[in-house]
C-alpha atoms as a PDB file:
ATOM      1  CA  MET A   1      -7.738 -10.976 -18.001  1.00  0.00           C
ATOM      2  CA  ALA A   2      -6.089  -7.674 -18.898  1.00  0.00           C
ATOM      3  CA  VAL A   3      -8.769  -5.514 -17.305  1.00  0.00           C
ATOM      4  CA  ASP A   4      -8.259  -7.337 -13.984  1.00  0.00           C
ATOM      5  CA  ALA A   5      -4.563  -6.453 -14.086  1.00  0.00           C
ATOM      6  CA  GLU A   6      -5.344  -2.843 -15.026  1.00  0.00           C
ATOM      7  CA  ARG A   7      -7.813  -2.571 -12.177  1.00  0.00           C
ATOM      8  CA  LYS A   8      -5.309  -3.957  -9.668  1.00  0.00           C
ATOM      9  CA  ALA A   9      -2.560  -1.654 -10.955  1.00  0.00           C
ATOM     10  CA  GLY A  10      -4.952   1.303 -10.707  1.00  0.00           C
ATOM     11  CA  GLY A  11      -5.555   0.531  -7.053  1.00  0.00           C
ATOM     12  CA  LEU A  12      -1.820   0.395  -6.420  1.00  0.00           C
ATOM     13  CA  PHE A  13      -1.148   3.625  -8.334  1.00  0.00           C
ATOM     14  CA  ALA A  14      -3.802   5.408  -6.302  1.00  0.00           C
ATOM     15  CA  GLU A  15      -1.826   4.622  -3.142  1.00  0.00           C
ATOM     16  CA  LEU A  16       1.499   6.037  -4.379  1.00  0.00           C
ATOM     17  CA  GLU A  17       2.750   9.353  -3.050  1.00  0.00           C
ATOM     18  CA  ARG A  18       2.430  12.228  -5.450  1.00  0.00           C
ATOM     19  CA  GLY A  19       4.476  15.399  -5.512  1.00  0.00           C
ATOM     20  CA  LYS A  20       3.117  18.767  -4.577  1.00  0.00           C
ATOM     21  CA  ASN A  21       1.753  20.815  -7.430  1.00  0.00           C
ATOM     22  CA  GLN A  22       1.151  24.497  -8.016  1.00  0.00           C
ATOM     23  CA  TYR A  23      -1.958  24.409  -5.856  1.00  0.00           C
ATOM     24  CA  ASP A  24      -0.087  22.937  -2.895  1.00  0.00           C
ATOM     25  CA  ASN A  25       2.994  25.141  -2.753  1.00  0.00           C
ATOM     26  CA  GLY A  26       2.599  28.031  -5.183  1.00  0.00           C
ATOM     27  CA  CYS A  27       5.003  26.704  -7.801  1.00  0.00           C
ATOM     28  CA  SER A  28       4.596  24.341 -10.707  1.00  0.00           C
ATOM     29  CA  GLY A  29       5.833  20.792 -10.418  1.00  0.00           C
ATOM     30  CA  ASN A  30       7.683  19.312  -7.486  1.00  0.00           C
ATOM     31  CA  VAL A  31       9.882  21.336  -5.202  1.00  0.00           C
ATOM     32  CA  ALA A  32      13.485  21.473  -6.466  1.00  0.00           C
ATOM     33  CA  GLY A  33      12.555  19.238  -9.391  1.00  0.00           C
ATOM     34  CA  ALA A  34      12.175  16.152  -7.197  1.00  0.00           C
ATOM     35  CA  GLN A  35      10.210  13.378  -8.872  1.00  0.00           C
ATOM     36  CA  SER A  36       7.254  11.879  -7.012  1.00  0.00           C
ATOM     37  CA  GLU A  37       7.003   8.165  -6.325  1.00  0.00           C
ATOM     38  CA  TYR A  38       3.954   8.089  -8.628  1.00  0.00           C
ATOM     39  CA  THR A  39       5.718   9.736 -11.576  1.00  0.00           C
ATOM     40  CA  ALA A  40       8.875   7.668 -11.102  1.00  0.00           C
ATOM     41  CA  THR A  41       6.879   4.428 -11.042  1.00  0.00           C
ATOM     42  CA  LEU A  42       4.931   5.301 -14.192  1.00  0.00           C
ATOM     43  CA  GLU A  43       8.096   6.296 -16.046  1.00  0.00           C
ATOM     44  CA  SER A  44      10.050   3.210 -15.011  1.00  0.00           C
ATOM     45  CA  ALA A  45       7.181   0.941 -16.080  1.00  0.00           C
ATOM     46  CA  GLY A  46       6.575   2.829 -19.338  1.00  0.00           C
ATOM     47  CA  ILE A  47       2.960   3.606 -18.407  1.00  0.00           C
ATOM     48  CA  THR A  48       1.337   6.801 -19.600  1.00  0.00           C
ATOM     49  CA  MET A  49      -0.439   9.132 -17.205  1.00  0.00           C
ATOM     50  CA  ARG A  50      -3.596   8.655 -19.271  1.00  0.00           C
ATOM     51  CA  ASP A  51      -3.530   4.863 -18.859  1.00  0.00           C
ATOM     52  CA  ALA A  52      -2.743   5.115 -15.148  1.00  0.00           C
ATOM     53  CA  ASN A  53      -5.644   7.504 -14.610  1.00  0.00           C
ATOM     54  CA  ARG A  54      -8.035   5.228 -16.517  1.00  0.00           C
ATOM     55  CA  TRP A  55      -6.915   2.240 -14.475  1.00  0.00           C
ATOM     56  CA  GLN A  56      -7.471   4.165 -11.254  1.00  0.00           C
ATOM     57  CA  VAL A  57     -11.041   4.907 -12.338  1.00  0.00           C
ATOM     58  CA  GLU A  58     -11.536   1.194 -13.072  1.00  0.00           C
ATOM     59  CA  ALA A  59     -10.299   0.406  -9.562  1.00  0.00           C
ATOM     60  CA  THR A  60     -13.047   2.553  -8.014  1.00  0.00           C
ATOM     61  CA  ILE A  61     -15.858   0.391  -9.441  1.00  0.00           C
ATOM     62  CA  PRO A  62     -17.336  -1.687  -6.598  1.00  0.00           C
ATOM     63  CA  GLU A  63     -16.449  -5.378  -6.865  1.00  0.00           C
ATOM     64  CA  ASP A  64     -20.031  -6.618  -7.338  1.00  0.00           C
ATOM     65  CA  GLU A  65     -20.675  -4.136 -10.157  1.00  0.00           C
ATOM     66  CA  TYR A  66     -17.348  -4.998 -11.776  1.00  0.00           C
ATOM     67  CA  LEU A  67     -18.115  -8.732 -11.733  1.00  0.00           C
ATOM     68  CA  ALA A  68     -21.559  -8.080 -13.245  1.00  0.00           C
ATOM     69  CA  ILE A  69     -20.003  -6.054 -16.062  1.00  0.00           C
ATOM     70  CA  VAL A  70     -17.350  -8.690 -16.770  1.00  0.00           C
ATOM     71  CA  GLY A  71     -20.006 -11.425 -16.727  1.00  0.00           C
ATOM     72  CA  ALA A  72     -22.145  -9.500 -19.209  1.00  0.00           C
ATOM     73  CA  VAL A  73     -19.171  -9.058 -21.534  1.00  0.00           C
ATOM     74  CA  PHE A  74     -18.482 -12.793 -21.482  1.00  0.00           C
ATOM     75  CA  VAL A  75     -22.111 -13.533 -22.356  1.00  0.00           C
ATOM     76  CA  ILE A  76     -21.979 -11.105 -25.270  1.00  0.00           C
ATOM     77  CA  MET A  77     -18.688 -12.568 -26.476  1.00  0.00           C
ATOM     78  CA  ALA A  78     -20.038 -16.118 -26.232  1.00  0.00           C
ATOM     79  CA  ASP A  79     -23.076 -15.138 -28.309  1.00  0.00           C
ATOM     80  CA  THR A  80     -20.907 -13.679 -31.065  1.00  0.00           C
ATOM     81  CA  VAL A  81     -18.457 -16.573 -31.430  1.00  0.00           C
ATOM     82  CA  VAL A  82     -18.911 -18.355 -34.740  1.00  0.00           C
ATOM     83  CA  THR A  83     -18.458 -22.098 -34.565  1.00  0.00           C
END
């Protein structure tokens, strides 16, 4: 299921090293224009920052709650299928 893949990717993205920003070192962006592992990975995979952030939020949902939500969606989908 796509949301499972997004959730897994979000967990992986959350672990990637990010560059320092203006709050860390007093300048905007990374020092000397270096690209962070996070930014490089998103760019090479063609993933937007917005999608990556959404997936990281999905990854923070506890497993039992996530499974309950997915189960509820399947029930709703099964009820709406026309045979």
